[in-house]
């Protein structure tokens, strides 16, 4: 038990340090922009209204037809890049059960403030009324996301 806790702490520290280094590299222009994953397909265009912050319909307190998952990250963040295909699968396979949105907080810094993001990636689960149900910081697997939806009472059987 003690060893698992220690390993967990080390993993979290590595993730936090890696994120700090990436943020510093991004701000200083040291990252290779060609290595970025294109996350536009995850709803960034809809989520980012230039000069106006985040699409108001995605903000807490705003109702939507379905529960929604909002992932806040950046296209140059390694854990965010790892989540990109997961988010696309969720968006494609569970469109009937919940909406999936991605917001790049490096390109849209107001979003980080509007959602009170402390680290990226952050996943926020909202019910259809716009009430925040759960928040997770760091990488989250597809299985963990689906498990969380089930725990929150959302049916996540695949369509078909």
N, C-alpha and C. Protein backbone atom coordinates (compact mmCIF):
# COMPACT_ATOMS: atom_id res chain seq x y z
N UNK A 1 0.83 -1.19 0.00
CA UNK A 1 0.00 0.00 0.00
C UNK A 1 0.87 1.25 0.00
N UNK A 2 1.87 1.26 0.85
CA UNK A 2 2.76 2.40 0.96
C UNK A 2 3.54 2.62 -0.34
N UNK A 3 3.96 1.51 -0.95
CA UNK A 3 4.71 1.59 -2.19
C UNK A 3 3.82 2.13 -3.32
N UNK A 4 2.55 1.72 -3.37
CA UNK A 4 1.63 2.21 -4.39
C UNK A 4 1.41 3.71 -4.22
N UNK A 5 1.29 4.17 -2.99
CA UNK A 5 1.11 5.60 -2.73
C UNK A 5 2.33 6.37 -3.20
N UNK A 6 3.51 5.87 -2.89
CA UNK A 6 4.75 6.52 -3.30
C UNK A 6 4.86 6.57 -4.82
N UNK A 7 4.52 5.49 -5.48
CA UNK A 7 4.55 5.44 -6.94
C UNK A 7 3.55 6.45 -7.51
N UNK A 8 2.37 6.52 -6.93
CA UNK A 8 1.36 7.48 -7.37
C UNK A 8 1.84 8.91 -7.24
N UNK A 9 2.50 9.22 -6.14
CA UNK A 9 3.02 10.57 -5.92
C UNK A 9 4.10 10.89 -6.94
N UNK A 10 4.97 9.93 -7.21
CA UNK A 10 6.04 10.15 -8.19
C UNK A 10 5.45 10.39 -9.58
N UNK A 11 4.45 9.62 -9.95
CA UNK A 11 3.82 9.79 -11.27
C UNK A 11 3.19 11.18 -11.38
N UNK A 12 2.48 11.61 -10.34
CA UNK A 12 1.86 12.93 -10.36
C UNK A 12 2.92 14.02 -10.46
N UNK A 13 4.00 13.89 -9.70
CA UNK A 13 5.08 14.88 -9.75
C UNK A 13 5.70 14.97 -11.14
N UNK A 14 5.92 13.83 -11.76
CA UNK A 14 6.48 13.80 -13.11
C UNK A 14 5.53 14.49 -14.09
N UNK A 15 4.24 14.20 -13.97
CA UNK A 15 3.26 14.83 -14.85
C UNK A 15 3.22 16.34 -14.65
N UNK A 16 3.24 16.77 -13.41
CA UNK A 16 3.21 18.21 -13.12
C UNK A 16 4.47 18.89 -13.65
N UNK A 17 5.63 18.29 -13.39
CA UNK A 17 6.88 18.88 -13.87
C UNK A 17 6.91 18.91 -15.40
N UNK A 18 6.45 17.87 -16.04
CA UNK A 18 6.40 17.84 -17.50
C UNK A 18 5.50 18.94 -18.04
N UNK A 19 4.36 19.13 -17.40
CA UNK A 19 3.45 20.19 -17.83
C UNK A 19 4.08 21.56 -17.66
N UNK A 20 4.78 21.78 -16.54
CA UNK A 20 5.45 23.06 -16.30
C UNK A 20 6.51 23.31 -17.37
N UNK A 21 7.30 22.29 -17.70
CA UNK A 21 8.33 22.44 -18.74
C UNK A 21 7.67 22.77 -20.07
N UNK A 22 6.60 22.06 -20.42
CA UNK A 22 5.92 22.32 -21.69
C UNK A 22 5.34 23.72 -21.74
N UNK A 23 4.76 24.19 -20.63
CA UNK A 23 4.22 25.54 -20.60
C UNK A 23 5.34 26.55 -20.82
N UNK A 24 6.46 26.34 -20.13
CA UNK A 24 7.60 27.24 -20.29
C UNK A 24 8.10 27.22 -21.74
N UNK A 25 8.22 26.04 -22.32
CA UNK A 25 8.69 25.94 -23.71
C UNK A 25 7.70 26.61 -24.66
N UNK A 26 6.41 26.42 -24.38
CA UNK A 26 5.40 27.03 -25.23
C UNK A 26 5.49 28.55 -25.16
N UNK A 27 5.61 29.09 -23.95
CA UNK A 27 5.67 30.53 -23.78
C UNK A 27 6.95 31.12 -24.35
N UNK A 28 8.03 30.38 -24.33
CA UNK A 28 9.29 30.90 -24.85
C UNK A 28 9.48 30.58 -26.33
N UNK A 29 8.50 29.90 -26.94
CA UNK A 29 8.57 29.60 -28.37
C UNK A 29 9.50 28.47 -28.72
N UNK A 30 9.86 27.61 -27.77
CA UNK A 30 10.82 26.54 -28.02
C UNK A 30 10.17 25.26 -28.54
N UNK A 31 8.86 25.17 -28.52
CA UNK A 31 8.22 23.94 -28.99
C UNK A 31 8.14 23.93 -30.51
N UNK A 32 8.27 22.77 -31.08
CA UNK A 32 8.14 22.58 -32.51
C UNK A 32 6.64 22.53 -32.85
N UNK A 33 6.13 23.57 -33.44
CA UNK A 33 4.70 23.67 -33.72
C UNK A 33 4.23 22.60 -34.70
N UNK A 34 5.15 22.06 -35.52
CA UNK A 34 4.75 21.04 -36.48
C UNK A 34 4.43 19.72 -35.80
N UNK A 35 4.84 19.56 -34.55
CA UNK A 35 4.58 18.32 -33.83
C UNK A 35 3.21 18.32 -33.17
N UNK A 36 2.49 19.42 -33.25
CA UNK A 36 1.20 19.53 -32.57
C UNK A 36 0.16 18.63 -33.23
N UNK A 37 -0.71 18.07 -32.40
CA UNK A 37 -1.83 17.29 -32.89
C UNK A 37 -2.96 18.27 -33.21
N UNK A 38 -3.62 18.12 -34.33
CA UNK A 38 -4.72 19.00 -34.67
C UNK A 38 -5.96 18.56 -33.90
N UNK A 39 -6.33 19.36 -32.92
CA UNK A 39 -7.48 19.03 -32.09
C UNK A 39 -8.72 19.80 -32.51
N UNK A 40 -8.70 20.42 -33.66
CA UNK A 40 -9.85 21.19 -34.13
C UNK A 40 -11.11 20.33 -34.20
N UNK A 41 -10.95 19.06 -34.55
CA UNK A 41 -12.11 18.19 -34.72
C UNK A 41 -12.84 17.90 -33.42
N UNK A 42 -12.27 18.28 -32.29
CA UNK A 42 -12.92 18.01 -31.01
C UNK A 42 -13.79 19.15 -30.55
N UNK A 43 -14.07 20.11 -31.42
CA UNK A 43 -15.00 21.15 -31.07
C UNK A 43 -14.36 22.47 -30.70
N UNK A 44 -13.04 22.60 -30.89
CA UNK A 44 -12.40 23.86 -30.52
C UNK A 44 -13.01 25.02 -31.28
N UNK A 45 -13.32 24.82 -32.56
CA UNK A 45 -13.89 25.93 -33.33
C UNK A 45 -15.20 26.39 -32.72
N UNK A 46 -16.01 25.46 -32.29
CA UNK A 46 -17.27 25.83 -31.66
C UNK A 46 -17.04 26.38 -30.26
N UNK A 47 -16.02 25.87 -29.59
CA UNK A 47 -15.80 26.26 -28.21
C UNK A 47 -15.09 27.60 -28.10
N UNK A 48 -14.36 28.00 -29.12
CA UNK A 48 -13.58 29.24 -29.05
C UNK A 48 -14.16 30.27 -29.98
N UNK A 49 -14.68 31.33 -29.39
CA UNK A 49 -15.18 32.45 -30.17
C UNK A 49 -14.13 33.53 -30.04
N UNK A 50 -13.31 33.80 -31.11
CA UNK A 50 -12.20 34.74 -31.00
C UNK A 50 -12.62 36.06 -30.39
N UNK A 51 -11.85 36.48 -29.39
CA UNK A 51 -12.10 37.75 -28.73
C UNK A 51 -13.23 37.72 -27.73
N UNK A 52 -13.94 36.62 -27.64
CA UNK A 52 -15.09 36.56 -26.76
C UNK A 52 -14.99 35.44 -25.73
N UNK A 53 -13.86 34.77 -25.64
CA UNK A 53 -13.74 33.67 -24.69
C UNK A 53 -14.38 32.40 -25.19
N UNK A 54 -15.02 31.70 -24.31
CA UNK A 54 -15.60 30.39 -24.60
C UNK A 54 -17.04 30.54 -25.05
N UNK A 55 -17.46 29.66 -25.93
CA UNK A 55 -18.86 29.61 -26.33
C UNK A 55 -19.69 29.52 -25.05
N UNK A 56 -20.55 30.49 -24.78
CA UNK A 56 -21.30 30.51 -23.52
C UNK A 56 -22.12 29.25 -23.26
N UNK A 57 -22.53 28.55 -24.31
CA UNK A 57 -23.33 27.34 -24.10
C UNK A 57 -22.54 26.23 -23.40
N UNK A 58 -21.20 26.32 -23.42
CA UNK A 58 -20.38 25.29 -22.77
C UNK A 58 -20.09 25.60 -21.31
N UNK A 59 -20.32 26.82 -20.89
CA UNK A 59 -19.98 27.22 -19.54
C UNK A 59 -20.89 26.58 -18.50
N UNK A 60 -20.38 26.42 -17.28
CA UNK A 60 -21.21 25.87 -16.20
C UNK A 60 -22.50 26.66 -16.05
N UNK A 61 -23.56 25.94 -15.76
CA UNK A 61 -24.85 26.58 -15.53
C UNK A 61 -25.72 26.69 -16.76
N UNK A 62 -25.16 26.40 -17.93
CA UNK A 62 -25.94 26.49 -19.16
C UNK A 62 -26.43 25.12 -19.57
N UNK A 63 -27.74 24.97 -19.76
CA UNK A 63 -28.28 23.67 -20.14
C UNK A 63 -27.91 23.28 -21.56
N UNK A 64 -27.96 21.98 -21.82
CA UNK A 64 -27.70 21.45 -23.15
C UNK A 64 -28.60 20.23 -23.34
N UNK A 65 -28.80 19.80 -24.58
CA UNK A 65 -29.67 18.64 -24.82
C UNK A 65 -29.16 17.35 -24.15
N UNK A 66 -27.84 17.23 -24.00
CA UNK A 66 -27.23 16.03 -23.42
C UNK A 66 -26.23 16.44 -22.35
N UNK A 67 -25.89 15.51 -21.46
CA UNK A 67 -24.75 15.77 -20.58
C UNK A 67 -23.52 16.03 -21.45
N UNK A 68 -22.52 16.68 -20.90
CA UNK A 68 -21.35 16.99 -21.72
C UNK A 68 -20.05 16.81 -20.95
N UNK A 69 -19.05 16.42 -21.71
CA UNK A 69 -17.68 16.32 -21.21
C UNK A 69 -16.90 17.44 -21.87
N UNK A 70 -16.30 18.31 -21.06
CA UNK A 70 -15.46 19.38 -21.59
C UNK A 70 -14.04 19.06 -21.16
N UNK A 71 -13.17 18.88 -22.15
CA UNK A 71 -11.76 18.61 -21.89
C UNK A 71 -11.00 19.90 -22.18
N UNK A 72 -10.28 20.39 -21.18
CA UNK A 72 -9.49 21.61 -21.34
C UNK A 72 -8.03 21.21 -21.36
N UNK A 73 -7.34 21.54 -22.44
CA UNK A 73 -5.95 21.14 -22.59
C UNK A 73 -5.27 22.05 -23.59
N UNK A 74 -4.29 21.50 -24.29
CA UNK A 74 -3.57 22.26 -25.31
C UNK A 74 -3.01 21.28 -26.33
N UNK A 75 -2.90 21.74 -27.57
CA UNK A 75 -2.44 20.82 -28.61
C UNK A 75 -0.95 20.52 -28.53
N UNK A 76 -0.21 21.18 -27.64
CA UNK A 76 1.22 20.88 -27.45
C UNK A 76 1.50 20.20 -26.12
N UNK A 77 0.49 19.81 -25.41
CA UNK A 77 0.63 19.15 -24.11
C UNK A 77 0.63 17.64 -24.35
N UNK A 78 1.65 16.95 -23.86
CA UNK A 78 1.79 15.52 -24.14
C UNK A 78 0.60 14.70 -23.64
N UNK A 79 0.16 14.84 -22.38
CA UNK A 79 -1.02 14.08 -21.97
C UNK A 79 -2.26 14.45 -22.79
N UNK A 80 -2.34 15.72 -23.21
CA UNK A 80 -3.47 16.15 -24.05
C UNK A 80 -3.42 15.47 -25.40
N UNK A 81 -2.22 15.34 -25.97
CA UNK A 81 -2.06 14.64 -27.24
C UNK A 81 -2.49 13.19 -27.11
N UNK A 82 -2.16 12.59 -25.97
CA UNK A 82 -2.56 11.19 -25.75
C UNK A 82 -4.07 11.05 -25.64
N UNK A 83 -4.72 12.09 -25.19
CA UNK A 83 -6.18 12.04 -25.04
C UNK A 83 -6.90 12.32 -26.35
N UNK A 84 -6.22 12.94 -27.31
CA UNK A 84 -6.88 13.34 -28.56
C UNK A 84 -7.65 12.21 -29.24
N UNK A 85 -7.05 11.04 -29.46
CA UNK A 85 -7.82 9.97 -30.11
C UNK A 85 -8.96 9.45 -29.23
N UNK A 86 -8.78 9.49 -27.94
CA UNK A 86 -9.84 9.06 -27.01
C UNK A 86 -11.03 10.00 -27.14
N UNK A 87 -10.77 11.30 -27.15
CA UNK A 87 -11.85 12.27 -27.27
C UNK A 87 -12.59 12.10 -28.59
N UNK A 88 -11.84 11.84 -29.67
CA UNK A 88 -12.49 11.65 -30.96
C UNK A 88 -13.38 10.40 -30.94
N UNK A 89 -12.89 9.31 -30.35
CA UNK A 89 -13.70 8.09 -30.25
C UNK A 89 -14.97 8.35 -29.45
N UNK A 90 -14.83 9.04 -28.32
CA UNK A 90 -16.00 9.34 -27.49
C UNK A 90 -17.00 10.20 -28.26
N UNK A 91 -16.48 11.18 -28.98
CA UNK A 91 -17.35 12.07 -29.75
C UNK A 91 -18.11 11.29 -30.82
N UNK A 92 -17.43 10.34 -31.47
CA UNK A 92 -18.05 9.56 -32.54
C UNK A 92 -18.98 8.46 -32.02
N UNK A 93 -18.54 7.73 -30.99
CA UNK A 93 -19.26 6.54 -30.54
C UNK A 93 -20.38 6.82 -29.55
N UNK A 94 -20.33 7.93 -28.85
CA UNK A 94 -21.31 8.19 -27.79
C UNK A 94 -22.08 9.49 -28.00
N UNK A 95 -22.19 9.91 -29.25
CA UNK A 95 -22.87 11.15 -29.60
C UNK A 95 -24.31 11.16 -29.08
N UNK A 96 -24.92 10.00 -28.95
CA UNK A 96 -26.30 9.87 -28.47
C UNK A 96 -26.39 9.99 -26.95
N UNK A 97 -25.28 9.77 -26.24
CA UNK A 97 -25.31 9.72 -24.78
C UNK A 97 -24.79 11.00 -24.13
N UNK A 98 -23.74 11.59 -24.70
CA UNK A 98 -23.17 12.82 -24.15
C UNK A 98 -22.37 13.54 -25.23
N UNK A 99 -22.23 14.83 -25.06
CA UNK A 99 -21.44 15.64 -26.00
C UNK A 99 -20.01 15.72 -25.48
N UNK A 100 -19.05 15.75 -26.40
CA UNK A 100 -17.63 15.85 -26.05
C UNK A 100 -17.06 17.10 -26.69
N UNK A 101 -16.43 17.94 -25.88
CA UNK A 101 -15.86 19.20 -26.36
C UNK A 101 -14.41 19.32 -25.91
N UNK A 102 -13.58 19.91 -26.76
CA UNK A 102 -12.19 20.21 -26.40
C UNK A 102 -11.99 21.72 -26.51
N UNK A 103 -11.31 22.29 -25.52
CA UNK A 103 -10.96 23.71 -25.53
C UNK A 103 -9.47 23.81 -25.27
N UNK A 104 -8.77 24.49 -26.18
CA UNK A 104 -7.33 24.69 -26.03
C UNK A 104 -7.11 25.94 -25.18
N UNK A 105 -6.63 25.75 -23.96
CA UNK A 105 -6.47 26.88 -23.04
C UNK A 105 -5.21 27.69 -23.32
N UNK A 106 -4.31 27.19 -24.15
CA UNK A 106 -3.16 28.00 -24.55
C UNK A 106 -3.57 28.98 -25.64
N UNK A 107 -4.44 28.54 -26.51
CA UNK A 107 -4.94 29.42 -27.56
C UNK A 107 -6.08 30.31 -27.05
N UNK A 108 -6.73 29.88 -25.99
CA UNK A 108 -7.86 30.60 -25.42
C UNK A 108 -7.68 30.66 -23.89
N UNK A 109 -6.76 31.52 -23.41
CA UNK A 109 -6.46 31.56 -21.98
C UNK A 109 -7.65 31.93 -21.10
N UNK A 110 -8.61 32.68 -21.65
CA UNK A 110 -9.80 33.01 -20.86
C UNK A 110 -10.56 31.76 -20.44
N UNK A 111 -10.50 30.72 -21.26
CA UNK A 111 -11.21 29.49 -20.94
C UNK A 111 -10.69 28.88 -19.65
N UNK A 112 -9.38 28.90 -19.47
CA UNK A 112 -8.81 28.37 -18.23
C UNK A 112 -9.37 29.06 -17.01
N UNK A 113 -9.52 30.37 -17.11
CA UNK A 113 -10.08 31.13 -15.99
C UNK A 113 -11.56 30.85 -15.83
N UNK A 114 -12.29 30.80 -16.94
CA UNK A 114 -13.74 30.60 -16.88
C UNK A 114 -14.11 29.24 -16.30
N UNK A 115 -13.25 28.25 -16.50
CA UNK A 115 -13.51 26.91 -15.98
C UNK A 115 -12.67 26.61 -14.72
N UNK A 116 -11.94 27.61 -14.22
CA UNK A 116 -11.10 27.46 -13.02
C UNK A 116 -10.14 26.28 -13.15
N UNK A 117 -9.45 26.21 -14.28
CA UNK A 117 -8.50 25.13 -14.55
C UNK A 117 -7.19 25.41 -13.81
N UNK A 118 -6.69 24.39 -13.11
CA UNK A 118 -5.42 24.50 -12.39
C UNK A 118 -4.29 23.80 -13.13
N UNK A 119 -4.62 22.77 -13.89
CA UNK A 119 -3.61 22.05 -14.69
C UNK A 119 -4.31 21.43 -15.88
N UNK A 120 -3.51 21.08 -16.89
CA UNK A 120 -4.08 20.44 -18.06
C UNK A 120 -3.46 19.07 -18.26
N UNK A 121 -4.22 18.18 -18.85
CA UNK A 121 -5.62 18.33 -19.20
C UNK A 121 -6.53 18.24 -17.97
N UNK A 122 -7.68 18.88 -18.09
CA UNK A 122 -8.73 18.79 -17.08
C UNK A 122 -10.01 18.38 -17.80
N UNK A 123 -10.68 17.37 -17.27
CA UNK A 123 -11.95 16.94 -17.83
C UNK A 123 -13.04 17.31 -16.82
N UNK A 124 -14.10 17.96 -17.34
CA UNK A 124 -15.22 18.35 -16.49
C UNK A 124 -16.47 17.70 -17.06
N UNK A 125 -17.18 17.00 -16.20
CA UNK A 125 -18.41 16.31 -16.56
C UNK A 125 -19.59 17.17 -16.09
N UNK A 126 -20.49 17.52 -17.01
CA UNK A 126 -21.66 18.33 -16.71
C UNK A 126 -22.92 17.53 -16.99
N UNK A 127 -23.97 17.74 -16.19
CA UNK A 127 -25.26 17.15 -16.54
C UNK A 127 -25.93 18.05 -17.57
N UNK A 128 -27.10 17.67 -18.05
CA UNK A 128 -27.78 18.42 -19.10
C UNK A 128 -28.21 19.81 -18.61
N UNK A 129 -28.32 20.00 -17.30
CA UNK A 129 -28.68 21.31 -16.76
C UNK A 129 -27.47 22.24 -16.67
N UNK A 130 -26.28 21.72 -16.93
CA UNK A 130 -25.07 22.53 -16.86
C UNK A 130 -24.41 22.53 -15.50
N UNK A 131 -24.84 21.61 -14.63
CA UNK A 131 -24.24 21.48 -13.31
C UNK A 131 -23.00 20.59 -13.39
N UNK A 132 -21.90 21.08 -12.83
CA UNK A 132 -20.68 20.27 -12.81
C UNK A 132 -20.89 19.08 -11.87
N UNK A 133 -20.65 17.89 -12.40
CA UNK A 133 -20.83 16.66 -11.63
C UNK A 133 -19.51 16.11 -11.11
N UNK A 134 -18.46 16.28 -11.91
CA UNK A 134 -17.17 15.70 -11.56
C UNK A 134 -16.08 16.41 -12.35
N UNK A 135 -14.90 16.49 -11.73
CA UNK A 135 -13.75 17.12 -12.38
C UNK A 135 -12.54 16.22 -12.15
N UNK A 136 -11.75 16.04 -13.20
CA UNK A 136 -10.54 15.22 -13.13
C UNK A 136 -9.39 16.00 -13.75
N UNK A 137 -8.23 15.95 -13.13
CA UNK A 137 -7.04 16.61 -13.67
C UNK A 137 -6.03 15.55 -14.08
N UNK A 138 -5.48 15.72 -15.29
CA UNK A 138 -4.50 14.78 -15.81
C UNK A 138 -5.11 13.90 -16.88
N UNK A 139 -4.29 12.98 -17.38
CA UNK A 139 -4.75 12.05 -18.40
C UNK A 139 -5.88 11.19 -17.84
N UNK A 140 -6.88 10.91 -18.67
CA UNK A 140 -7.99 10.05 -18.27
C UNK A 140 -8.29 9.11 -19.43
N UNK A 141 -8.24 7.83 -19.16
CA UNK A 141 -8.46 6.84 -20.22
C UNK A 141 -9.93 6.79 -20.64
N UNK A 142 -10.17 6.22 -21.80
CA UNK A 142 -11.53 6.06 -22.29
C UNK A 142 -12.35 5.24 -21.31
N UNK A 143 -11.76 4.16 -20.81
CA UNK A 143 -12.46 3.29 -19.87
C UNK A 143 -12.83 4.04 -18.59
N UNK A 144 -11.92 4.87 -18.10
CA UNK A 144 -12.20 5.65 -16.89
C UNK A 144 -13.28 6.69 -17.14
N UNK A 145 -13.27 7.30 -18.31
CA UNK A 145 -14.31 8.28 -18.64
C UNK A 145 -15.67 7.60 -18.70
N UNK A 146 -15.75 6.47 -19.38
CA UNK A 146 -17.02 5.75 -19.48
C UNK A 146 -17.48 5.24 -18.11
N UNK A 147 -16.54 4.77 -17.30
CA UNK A 147 -16.86 4.32 -15.94
C UNK A 147 -17.46 5.48 -15.13
N UNK A 148 -16.84 6.65 -15.28
CA UNK A 148 -17.34 7.82 -14.54
C UNK A 148 -18.74 8.20 -14.99
N UNK A 149 -18.98 8.17 -16.31
CA UNK A 149 -20.34 8.47 -16.79
C UNK A 149 -21.34 7.49 -16.19
N UNK A 150 -20.97 6.21 -16.15
CA UNK A 150 -21.88 5.21 -15.56
C UNK A 150 -22.14 5.53 -14.08
N UNK A 151 -21.09 5.88 -13.36
CA UNK A 151 -21.23 6.23 -11.94
C UNK A 151 -22.13 7.45 -11.76
N UNK A 152 -22.13 8.33 -12.76
CA UNK A 152 -22.95 9.53 -12.69
C UNK A 152 -24.36 9.29 -13.21
N UNK A 153 -24.65 8.05 -13.62
CA UNK A 153 -26.00 7.68 -14.03
C UNK A 153 -26.31 7.88 -15.50
N UNK A 154 -25.28 8.06 -16.32
CA UNK A 154 -25.47 8.24 -17.76
C UNK A 154 -25.27 6.90 -18.46
N UNK A 155 -26.24 6.51 -19.29
CA UNK A 155 -26.15 5.27 -20.04
C UNK A 155 -25.15 5.46 -21.17
N UNK A 156 -24.10 4.66 -21.17
CA UNK A 156 -23.04 4.80 -22.17
C UNK A 156 -22.89 3.56 -23.04
N UNK A 157 -23.99 2.90 -23.30
CA UNK A 157 -23.95 1.77 -24.24
C UNK A 157 -23.71 2.36 -25.63
N UNK A 158 -22.87 1.69 -26.43
CA UNK A 158 -22.59 2.19 -27.77
C UNK A 158 -23.83 2.07 -28.64
N UNK A 159 -23.98 3.02 -29.55
CA UNK A 159 -25.10 2.98 -30.50
C UNK A 159 -24.82 1.91 -31.54
N UNK A 160 -25.85 1.32 -32.03
CA UNK A 160 -25.56 0.38 -33.10
C UNK A 160 -26.52 -0.66 -33.19
